[in-house]
C-alpha atoms as a PDB file:
ATOM      1  CA  MET A   1      50.153 -11.491 122.416  1.00  0.00           C
ATOM      2  CA  ASP A   2      46.501 -10.985 123.202  1.00  0.00           C
ATOM      3  CA  VAL A   3      46.145  -8.848 120.108  1.00  0.00           C
ATOM      4  CA  LEU A   4      46.722 -11.952 117.941  1.00  0.00           C
ATOM      5  CA  ILE A   5      43.333 -13.213 119.057  1.00  0.00           C
ATOM      6  CA  TYR A   6      41.840 -10.300 117.122  1.00  0.00           C
ATOM      7  CA  LEU A   7      44.299  -9.974 114.258  1.00  0.00           C
ATOM      8  CA  ILE A   8      44.264 -13.575 113.016  1.00  0.00           C
ATOM      9  CA  PRO A   9      40.472 -13.738 112.451  1.00  0.00           C
ATOM     10  CA  ILE A  10      40.517 -10.277 110.862  1.00  0.00           C
ATOM     11  CA  ALA A  11      43.312 -11.345 108.495  1.00  0.00           C
ATOM     12  CA  LEU A  12      41.480 -14.551 107.609  1.00  0.00           C
ATOM     13  CA  PHE A  13      38.258 -12.629 106.997  1.00  0.00           C
ATOM     14  CA  LEU A  14      40.014 -10.123 104.717  1.00  0.00           C
ATOM     15  CA  GLY A  15      41.686 -12.965 102.820  1.00  0.00           C
ATOM     16  CA  VAL A  16      38.364 -14.714 102.263  1.00  0.00           C
ATOM     17  CA  LEU A  17      36.802 -11.396 101.254  1.00  0.00           C
ATOM     18  CA  GLY A  18      39.559 -10.788  98.680  1.00  0.00           C
ATOM     19  CA  LEU A  19      39.207 -14.314  97.333  1.00  0.00           C
ATOM     20  CA  ALA A  20      35.444 -13.875  97.033  1.00  0.00           C
ATOM     21  CA  ALA A  21      35.908 -10.580  95.156  1.00  0.00           C
ATOM     22  CA  PHE A  22      38.374 -12.226  92.778  1.00  0.00           C
ATOM     23  CA  LEU A  23      36.087 -15.187  92.132  1.00  0.00           C
ATOM     24  CA  TRP A  24      33.155 -12.819  91.558  1.00  0.00           C
ATOM     25  CA  SER A  25      35.182 -10.858  88.999  1.00  0.00           C
ATOM     26  CA  LEU A  26      36.069 -14.079  87.189  1.00  0.00           C
ATOM     27  CA  LYS A  27      32.445 -15.183  87.136  1.00  0.00           C
ATOM     28  CA  SER A  28      31.141 -11.809  85.934  1.00  0.00           C
ATOM     29  CA  GLY A  29      33.504 -11.787  82.940  1.00  0.00           C
ATOM     30  CA  GLN A  30      35.946  -9.059  83.929  1.00  0.00           C
ATOM     31  CA  PHE A  31      38.876 -10.945  82.399  1.00  0.00           C
ATOM     32  CA  ASP A  32      37.196 -12.279  79.243  1.00  0.00           C
ATOM     33  CA  ASP A  33      38.501  -9.702  76.751  1.00  0.00           C
ATOM     34  CA  LEU A  34      42.171  -9.077  77.474  1.00  0.00           C
ATOM     35  CA  GLU A  35      42.978  -7.922  73.940  1.00  0.00           C
ATOM     36  CA  GLY A  36      40.148  -5.407  73.485  1.00  0.00           C
ATOM     37  CA  ALA A  37      41.421  -2.748  75.879  1.00  0.00           C
ATOM     38  CA  LYS A  38      44.742  -2.312  74.115  1.00  0.00           C
ATOM     39  CA  TRP A  39      42.994  -1.858  70.750  1.00  0.00           C
ATOM     40  CA  ARG A  40      40.315   0.511  72.076  1.00  0.00           C
ATOM     41  CA  ILE A  41      42.967   2.887  73.397  1.00  0.00           C
ATOM     42  CA  LEU A  42      44.399   3.272  69.887  1.00  0.00           C
ATOM     43  CA  GLU A  43      41.104   4.255  68.235  1.00  0.00           C
ATOM     44  CA  ASP A  44      40.701   7.944  67.451  1.00  0.00           C
ATOM     45  CA  ASP A  45      37.010   8.486  68.135  1.00  0.00           C
ATOM     46  CA  ASP A  46      37.484  12.144  69.037  1.00  0.00           C
ATOM     47  CA  LEU A  47      38.698  13.244  65.583  1.00  0.00           C
ATOM     48  CA  PRO A  48      36.245  15.522  63.740  1.00  0.00           C
ATOM     49  CA  ASP A  49      34.712  14.228  60.530  1.00  0.00           C
ATOM     50  CA  ASP A  50      35.738  16.442  57.583  1.00  0.00           C
END
C-alpha cells in the first residue's frame, strides 16, 4: 500500500500533462482543418506532366 503514495501523484501528473498537451494542440490549430486531410490524400501530385 505504500506504493500508492508514489503512484497517485504520478498518475495525476501524467493526467495533467496529457490535458495540457491536448489544450496546447487545440490552441495551436491542430484540429482546425478536419476536411483538408481527406482531400489532400486524393490529389495526384506525383503524376508526370505530359
